[in-house]
Amino acid sequence: MRCSRESAPLRRDCAIEQTQSERGLILTVRHADGGFHRLLVTRDGRGVVAADGAEPARVTIAEPGTIDVAIGSDRYRLPATIKAAR
């Protein structure tokens, strides 16, 4: 998993925690500087959505097996199972 803040290049200095909640699987992505975002893994093909906060998560397919997630000026590249379009 890679991340960046304020449009910096993607780096591998983030940590990710998984927690199961009544809403589903929550990913907490933590930056080395202490910042974090919580993402809810969806089952409807969108990938993830912001689990809290005012800014939505923007998700795009980055390369095979990964998605880019942007929330404000923070970016994440996460592994993902990408299904073929029908």
Protein backbone atom coordinates (compact mmCIF):
# COMPACT_ATOMS: atom_id res chain seq x y z
CA MET A 1 0.00 0.00 0.00
CA ARG A 2 1.29 3.43 -0.86
CA CYS A 3 0.18 6.89 0.22
CA SER A 4 0.97 10.58 -0.18
CA ARG A 5 0.00 13.89 1.37
CA GLU A 6 -0.29 17.27 -0.30
CA SER A 7 0.45 15.96 -3.83
CA ALA A 8 3.81 14.42 -2.84
CA PRO A 9 4.95 11.26 -4.65
CA LEU A 10 3.43 7.98 -3.44
CA ARG A 11 5.52 6.36 -0.69
CA ARG A 12 5.33 3.16 1.32
CA ASP A 13 5.29 4.80 4.76
CA CYS A 14 1.62 4.30 5.64
CA ALA A 15 0.07 1.61 7.79
CA ILE A 16 -3.35 0.06 7.29
CA GLU A 17 -5.61 -1.49 9.93
CA GLN A 18 -8.71 -3.57 9.23
CA THR A 19 -11.71 -3.56 11.56
CA GLN A 20 -15.03 -5.32 11.07
CA SER A 21 -18.00 -3.14 12.03
CA GLU A 22 -21.78 -3.38 11.69
CA ARG A 23 -21.38 -1.32 8.48
CA GLY A 24 -18.79 -3.71 7.04
CA LEU A 25 -15.00 -3.79 6.73
CA ILE A 26 -13.34 -0.50 7.75
CA LEU A 27 -9.79 0.28 6.61
CA THR A 28 -7.93 2.86 8.69
CA VAL A 29 -5.00 4.23 6.69
CA ARG A 30 -2.43 5.96 8.90
CA HIS A 31 0.22 8.36 7.63
CA ALA A 32 3.67 8.52 9.24
CA ASP A 33 2.85 12.04 10.49
CA GLY A 34 -0.19 10.79 12.46
CA GLY A 35 -2.90 11.74 9.98
CA PHE A 36 -5.41 9.09 8.96
CA HIS A 37 -8.55 8.33 6.97
CA ARG A 38 -11.14 5.62 7.47
CA LEU A 39 -12.50 3.86 4.40
CA LEU A 40 -15.51 1.55 4.19
CA VAL A 41 -15.09 -1.34 1.74
CA THR A 42 -18.23 -1.56 -0.41
CA ARG A 43 -19.85 -4.58 -1.98
CA ASP A 44 -21.47 -2.70 -4.86
CA GLY A 45 -18.41 -2.31 -7.11
CA ARG A 46 -17.33 1.18 -6.00
CA GLY A 47 -14.36 -0.16 -4.03
CA VAL A 48 -14.29 2.07 -0.95
CA VAL A 49 -16.06 5.16 0.34
CA ALA A 50 -15.08 7.58 3.09
CA ALA A 51 -16.30 6.06 6.36
CA ASP A 52 -16.30 9.41 8.15
CA GLY A 53 -15.42 13.03 7.53
CA ALA A 54 -16.88 15.61 5.18
CA GLU A 55 -14.84 14.85 2.05
CA PRO A 56 -15.85 12.00 -0.27
CA ALA A 57 -13.38 9.38 -1.50
CA ARG A 58 -12.69 9.49 -5.25
CA VAL A 59 -11.76 6.04 -6.57
CA THR A 60 -10.09 5.23 -9.90
CA ILE A 61 -8.48 2.08 -11.25
CA ALA A 62 -4.71 2.63 -11.21
CA GLU A 63 -3.21 -0.51 -12.70
CA PRO A 64 -4.17 -4.18 -12.67
CA GLY A 65 -5.05 -5.17 -9.12
CA THR A 66 -4.93 -1.68 -7.59
CA ILE A 67 -7.13 1.37 -7.10
CA ASP A 68 -6.20 4.98 -6.36
CA VAL A 69 -8.25 6.62 -3.63
CA ALA A 70 -8.13 10.40 -3.16
CA ILE A 71 -9.60 12.25 -0.18
CA GLY A 72 -8.82 15.94 -0.30
CA SER A 73 -5.08 16.21 -1.01
CA ASP A 74 -4.30 12.72 0.36
CA ARG A 75 -3.88 9.81 -2.05
CA TYR A 76 -3.69 6.06 -1.51
CA ARG A 77 -2.91 3.17 -3.82
CA LEU A 78 -4.59 0.05 -2.47
CA PRO A 79 -4.75 -3.55 -3.65
CA ALA A 80 -8.18 -4.40 -5.02
CA THR A 81 -10.02 -7.15 -6.80
CA ILE A 82 -11.25 -5.55 -10.00
CA LYS A 83 -14.03 -7.35 -11.81
CA ALA A 84 -14.34 -7.20 -15.59
CA ALA A 85 -17.15 -5.03 -16.95
CA ARG A 86 -20.13 -6.95 -18.27
